[in-house]
Amino acid sequence: MKKYPVYSVQNFSCNDIHRDFYVNTFKEHLKSHSFVEEPHRHDSYLMVFFTNGSGIHEIDFDRFEIKKGSLFVLQPGQMHHWSLSEDIEGFVIIFSQELYNLYFGQKKINDYNFYNSILNRPEVVFETDEFSKILPYFGLLIQEINQNNEWQLDKMLNLLDCIHIEIARKYGQTYSHQTHSYNIKISAFEILLEQHFKTQKLPSFYAEQLHITLKHLNRICNEILQKTATEVIMDRVILEIKRMLTDKQLAVNEIAYAVGYEDYSYFSRVFKKQTGMSPTEFRNIK
């Protein structure tokens, strides 16, 4: 099977203020990143809003016609590419799940069902008379990225969420399409992981719950997420630790115990291996 490149937010960081958040006009985006016209994947979330032009956008082997008002939302691991007309215009936003979930706390990016590629199409079309509901937020994002204001990232994340809310309102109709069995298993894995990651960190537990072999679970994770099952589990654990570390009322050893580590020194080694810093160092920079 051909291996397609997987791009991180950092691959597009020509003008971003944070390594996990990128926003640009589409024309400027293509000037520096023409490689995105070839099939590829992202390890982050992607949103593209087309305000002019035409073309074809292929996402996980489904073809969508690009027209004025086409908005696409992709979750990590989806493969896509496009063929575009010369007069194409619009906006592109790329951001990591970790950044969004850490900032909004109880609210998670997966709460928005339009990012669920299993149940829904990754496309919604805003008619011209609906542009006023969503277009200003993109304009404000571009304006903000070109300035050097205090609370810049906070404003940009809140503008992003305003866009999400408008998409959610528009997404009144549920689309369904045939899905790959791997996607269904990944969804089930993620649900189990959310329930058990504090107490169950071995991938064999999740494979057993899913009634598949550990080898098959790793195959699914590698194909869809480009990670092993162990890496997926550890990513969720580390995210929870980071969230808890931002609450300075909690002692670090309390956090270790809360996420299932009775040995504090082992907990600290695990965190440092994954992040490059100790839990205390991470807390001190937040």
Protein backbone atom coordinates (compact mmCIF):
# COMPACT_ATOMS: atom_id res chain seq x y z
CA MET A 1 0.00 0.00 0.00
CA LYS A 2 1.30 3.46 -0.90
CA LYS A 3 2.32 5.53 2.11
CA TYR A 4 1.00 9.07 2.01
CA PRO A 5 2.63 11.92 3.94
CA VAL A 6 1.19 12.99 7.27
CA TYR A 7 1.48 16.72 7.99
CA SER A 8 1.47 18.41 11.39
CA VAL A 9 0.41 21.97 12.14
CA GLN A 10 4.12 22.83 12.23
CA ASN A 11 4.40 22.08 8.50
CA PHE A 12 2.21 25.15 7.89
CA SER A 13 3.61 27.51 10.50
CA CYS A 14 4.63 30.40 8.24
CA ASN A 15 2.53 32.95 10.11
CA ASP A 16 0.99 31.29 13.15
CA ILE A 17 1.32 32.48 16.72
CA HIS A 18 1.21 29.03 18.21
CA ARG A 19 2.73 25.82 16.99
CA ASP A 20 -0.64 24.07 17.29
CA PHE A 21 -2.79 26.68 15.49
CA TYR A 22 -2.54 27.84 11.88
CA VAL A 23 -4.85 30.16 9.94
CA ASN A 24 -4.43 31.77 6.52
CA THR A 25 -6.26 32.91 3.44
CA PHE A 26 -6.37 30.13 0.91
CA LYS A 27 -4.42 32.02 -1.76
CA GLU A 28 -1.59 32.79 0.63
CA HIS A 29 -1.70 29.22 1.91
CA LEU A 30 -1.15 27.79 -1.57
CA LYS A 31 1.78 30.11 -2.28
CA SER A 32 3.89 28.42 0.37
CA HIS A 33 2.25 25.01 0.51
CA SER A 34 1.56 23.82 -3.02
CA PHE A 35 2.35 20.27 -1.86
CA VAL A 36 -1.10 20.07 -0.27
CA GLU A 37 -2.60 19.46 -3.70
CA GLU A 38 -1.16 15.91 -3.57
CA PRO A 39 -2.87 13.19 -1.46
CA HIS A 40 -1.89 13.49 2.20
CA ARG A 41 -3.14 13.24 5.76
CA HIS A 42 -3.03 15.53 8.78
CA ASP A 43 -2.46 14.61 12.41
CA SER A 44 -4.59 17.62 13.39
CA TYR A 45 -8.02 19.04 12.61
CA LEU A 46 -8.50 20.90 9.33
CA MET A 47 -11.18 23.36 8.21
CA VAL A 48 -11.38 24.90 4.74
CA PHE A 49 -13.98 27.46 3.68
CA PHE A 50 -14.17 28.35 -0.03
CA THR A 51 -15.58 31.79 -0.86
CA ASN A 52 -14.89 31.75 -4.61
CA GLY A 53 -13.80 29.39 -7.37
CA SER A 54 -14.46 25.74 -8.05
CA GLY A 55 -12.83 22.33 -8.13
CA ILE A 56 -12.93 18.83 -6.68
CA HIS A 57 -12.04 17.85 -3.11
CA GLU A 58 -11.45 14.14 -2.52
CA ILE A 59 -11.66 13.00 1.12
CA ASP A 60 -11.12 9.34 2.02
CA PHE A 61 -11.96 8.42 -1.59
CA ASP A 62 -15.25 10.39 -1.62
CA ARG A 63 -15.35 13.22 -4.18
CA PHE A 64 -16.97 16.56 -3.39
CA GLU A 65 -17.61 19.44 -5.74
CA ILE A 66 -16.05 22.69 -4.53
CA LYS A 67 -18.17 25.78 -5.02
CA LYS A 68 -18.68 29.13 -3.38
CA GLY A 69 -19.75 28.45 0.19
CA SER A 70 -18.27 24.95 0.46
CA LEU A 71 -16.92 24.29 3.94
CA PHE A 72 -15.01 21.11 4.77
CA VAL A 73 -14.07 19.78 8.21
CA LEU A 74 -11.57 16.94 8.56
CA GLN A 75 -10.43 15.07 11.62
CA PRO A 76 -6.93 13.60 12.09
CA GLY A 77 -6.06 10.69 9.84
CA GLN A 78 -8.38 11.45 6.94
CA MET A 79 -6.68 11.45 3.57
CA HIS A 80 -7.52 14.19 1.11
CA HIS A 81 -6.41 16.22 -1.91
CA TRP A 82 -8.00 18.64 -4.34
CA SER A 83 -7.99 20.02 -7.84
CA LEU A 84 -8.71 23.77 -7.87
CA SER A 85 -9.59 26.52 -10.34
CA GLU A 86 -7.29 29.51 -10.75
CA ASP A 87 -9.78 31.89 -9.13
CA ILE A 88 -10.00 29.91 -5.87
CA GLU A 89 -10.36 31.95 -2.69
CA GLY A 90 -11.17 31.15 0.91
CA PHE A 91 -9.64 30.35 4.28
CA VAL A 92 -7.83 27.45 5.92
CA ILE A 93 -7.53 26.62 9.63
CA ILE A 94 -5.45 23.79 11.11
CA PHE A 95 -5.32 23.08 14.84
CA SER A 96 -4.50 20.28 17.22
CA GLN A 97 -7.02 18.46 19.37
CA GLU A 98 -4.78 18.94 22.39
CA LEU A 99 -4.76 22.73 22.05
CA TYR A 100 -8.54 22.93 21.72
CA ASN A 101 -9.35 20.47 24.50
CA LEU A 102 -6.85 21.97 26.93
CA TYR A 103 -8.23 25.46 26.36
CA PHE A 104 -11.93 24.69 26.59
CA GLY A 105 -11.68 22.15 29.41
CA GLN A 106 -14.97 20.31 29.76
CA LYS A 107 -15.89 20.99 26.14
CA LYS A 108 -14.13 18.71 23.67
CA ILE A 109 -13.69 19.03 19.93
CA ASN A 110 -15.40 15.67 19.44
CA ASP A 111 -18.56 17.11 20.95
CA TYR A 112 -19.17 18.58 17.49
CA ASN A 113 -20.65 15.70 15.52
CA PHE A 114 -19.61 17.12 12.15
CA TYR A 115 -16.03 16.04 12.92
CA ASN A 116 -17.25 12.45 13.14
CA SER A 117 -16.28 10.98 9.77
CA ILE A 118 -18.05 7.75 10.66
CA LEU A 119 -21.55 9.17 10.88
CA ASN A 120 -21.37 12.37 8.87
CA ARG A 121 -20.13 13.79 5.62
CA PRO A 122 -17.22 16.23 6.05
CA GLU A 123 -19.00 18.89 3.99
CA VAL A 124 -21.53 21.63 4.56
CA VAL A 125 -22.44 24.37 2.08
CA PHE A 126 -23.28 27.91 3.14
CA GLU A 127 -25.42 29.74 0.61
CA THR A 128 -24.54 33.34 -0.26
CA ASP A 129 -27.32 34.71 1.92
CA GLU A 130 -25.86 32.76 4.86
CA PHE A 131 -22.33 34.16 4.53
CA SER A 132 -23.02 36.90 7.07
CA LYS A 133 -23.39 34.23 9.76
CA ILE A 134 -19.90 32.79 9.38
CA LEU A 135 -17.64 34.83 7.06
CA PRO A 136 -16.93 37.67 9.56
CA TYR A 137 -15.28 35.22 11.97
CA PHE A 138 -12.77 34.15 9.34
CA GLY A 139 -12.03 37.78 8.56
CA LEU A 140 -11.47 38.53 12.24
CA LEU A 141 -9.10 35.56 12.52
CA ILE A 142 -6.97 36.87 9.64
CA GLN A 143 -7.02 40.35 11.17
CA GLU A 144 -5.97 38.98 14.54
CA ILE A 145 -3.12 36.86 13.18
CA ASN A 146 -1.62 39.96 11.52
CA GLN A 147 -1.56 41.94 14.74
CA ASN A 148 0.35 41.61 17.99
CA ASN A 149 -2.32 41.99 20.64
CA GLU A 150 -2.58 40.67 24.16
CA TRP A 151 -4.78 37.58 24.58
CA GLN A 152 -4.30 36.85 20.90
CA LEU A 153 -4.50 33.08 21.10
CA ASP A 154 -7.51 33.29 23.42
CA LYS A 155 -9.39 35.47 20.95
CA MET A 156 -8.48 33.22 18.02
CA LEU A 157 -9.66 30.08 19.80
CA ASN A 158 -12.95 31.73 20.70
CA LEU A 159 -13.42 32.91 17.10
CA LEU A 160 -12.74 29.35 15.99
CA ASP A 161 -15.42 28.11 18.35
CA CYS A 162 -17.89 30.68 17.03
CA ILE A 163 -17.29 29.16 13.61
CA HIS A 164 -17.88 25.69 15.06
CA ILE A 165 -21.17 26.84 16.56
CA GLU A 166 -22.36 28.24 13.22
CA ILE A 167 -21.41 24.99 11.48
CA ALA A 168 -23.26 22.98 14.15
CA ARG A 169 -26.37 25.08 13.63
CA LYS A 170 -26.15 24.61 9.88
CA TYR A 171 -25.52 20.91 10.29
CA GLY A 172 -29.14 20.21 11.08
CA GLN A 173 -29.38 17.32 8.68
CA THR A 174 -27.40 14.18 9.48
CA TYR A 175 -25.50 12.76 6.56
CA SER A 176 -24.55 9.12 6.43
CA HIS A 177 -22.34 7.19 4.08
CA GLN A 178 -20.72 3.80 3.89
CA THR A 179 -17.79 3.64 6.24
CA HIS A 180 -14.66 1.58 6.55
CA SER A 181 -14.82 -1.03 9.30
CA TYR A 182 -11.56 0.37 10.67
CA ASN A 183 -13.26 3.71 11.35
CA ILE A 184 -16.01 1.95 13.30
CA LYS A 185 -13.45 0.12 15.45
CA ILE A 186 -11.48 3.33 16.07
CA SER A 187 -14.66 5.01 17.28
CA ALA A 188 -15.41 2.12 19.62
CA PHE A 189 -11.79 2.15 20.84
CA GLU A 190 -11.97 5.87 21.59
CA ILE A 191 -15.21 5.44 23.56
CA LEU A 192 -13.67 2.65 25.63
CA LEU A 193 -10.52 4.67 26.12
CA GLU A 194 -12.45 7.63 27.47
CA GLN A 195 -14.09 5.34 30.01
CA HIS A 196 -11.04 3.39 31.15
CA PHE A 197 -7.77 5.26 30.42
CA LYS A 198 -7.17 6.12 34.09
CA THR A 199 -7.19 2.48 35.14
CA GLN A 200 -6.40 0.53 31.96
CA LYS A 201 -3.29 1.46 30.01
CA LEU A 202 -2.51 -1.83 28.28
CA PRO A 203 -3.73 -2.10 24.68
CA SER A 204 -4.51 -5.78 25.24
CA PHE A 205 -7.42 -4.75 27.49
CA TYR A 206 -9.01 -2.69 24.71
CA ALA A 207 -8.39 -5.35 22.08
CA GLU A 208 -10.19 -7.87 24.28
CA GLN A 209 -13.11 -5.50 24.84
CA LEU A 210 -13.36 -4.94 21.08
CA HIS A 211 -13.20 -8.70 20.42
CA ILE A 212 -10.16 -8.38 18.17
CA THR A 213 -6.52 -9.34 18.50
CA LEU A 214 -3.92 -6.88 19.74
CA LYS A 215 -2.19 -7.14 16.38
CA HIS A 216 -5.37 -6.13 14.59
CA LEU A 217 -5.95 -3.20 16.95
CA ASN A 218 -2.45 -1.93 16.22
CA ARG A 219 -3.06 -2.39 12.50
CA ILE A 220 -6.24 -0.29 12.72
CA CYS A 221 -4.54 2.45 14.75
CA ASN A 222 -1.61 2.60 12.36
CA GLU A 223 -3.85 2.79 9.31
CA ILE A 224 -6.24 5.44 10.61
CA LEU A 225 -4.16 7.43 13.13
CA GLN A 226 -0.56 6.55 12.17
CA LYS A 227 0.05 5.55 15.79
CA THR A 228 0.23 2.35 17.78
CA ALA A 229 -2.56 1.54 20.22
CA THR A 230 -0.13 2.21 23.07
CA GLU A 231 0.59 5.69 21.68
CA VAL A 232 -3.13 6.45 21.39
CA ILE A 233 -3.66 5.43 25.01
CA MET A 234 -0.66 7.41 26.22
CA ASP A 235 -1.75 10.53 24.31
CA ARG A 236 -5.06 10.48 26.20
CA VAL A 237 -3.35 9.93 29.55
CA ILE A 238 -0.87 12.77 28.97
CA LEU A 239 -3.65 15.14 27.93
CA GLU A 240 -5.49 14.45 31.18
CA ILE A 241 -2.31 15.01 33.19
CA LYS A 242 -1.73 18.34 31.45
CA ARG A 243 -5.28 19.40 32.15
CA MET A 244 -4.94 18.57 35.80
CA LEU A 245 -1.54 20.27 36.07
CA THR A 246 -3.15 23.55 35.09
CA ASP A 247 -5.13 23.34 38.34
CA LYS A 248 -2.46 24.42 40.79
CA GLN A 249 -4.64 23.48 43.74
CA LEU A 250 -3.82 19.84 43.01
CA ALA A 251 -0.53 18.40 44.23
CA VAL A 252 1.43 16.60 41.53
CA ASN A 253 1.40 13.34 43.49
CA GLU A 254 -2.40 13.63 43.73
CA ILE A 255 -2.58 13.95 39.95
CA ALA A 256 -0.37 10.89 39.54
CA TYR A 257 -2.71 8.84 41.72
CA ALA A 258 -5.81 10.21 39.96
CA VAL A 259 -4.64 8.97 36.57
CA GLY A 260 -3.62 5.55 37.86
CA TYR A 261 0.04 5.89 38.87
CA GLU A 262 0.79 4.88 42.45
CA ASP A 263 4.55 5.27 41.96
CA TYR A 264 5.22 9.01 41.66
CA SER A 265 8.75 8.62 40.28
CA TYR A 266 7.48 6.32 37.54
CA PHE A 267 4.68 8.77 36.75
CA SER A 268 7.22 11.59 36.44
CA ARG A 269 9.46 9.53 34.15
CA VAL A 270 6.52 8.65 31.89
CA PHE A 271 5.43 12.28 31.62
CA LYS A 272 8.95 13.52 30.89
CA LYS A 273 9.48 10.85 28.25
CA GLN A 274 6.31 11.96 26.45
CA THR A 275 6.68 15.73 26.81
CA GLY A 276 10.38 16.45 27.35
CA MET A 277 9.77 18.06 30.74
CA SER A 278 8.81 17.04 34.25
CA PRO A 279 5.27 17.60 35.51
CA THR A 280 6.52 20.44 37.71
CA GLU A 281 8.32 22.08 34.80
CA PHE A 282 5.17 21.86 32.70
CA ARG A 283 3.11 23.40 35.48
CA ASN A 284 5.56 26.27 35.94
CA ILE A 285 5.31 27.40 32.32
CA LYS A 286 1.50 27.45 32.35
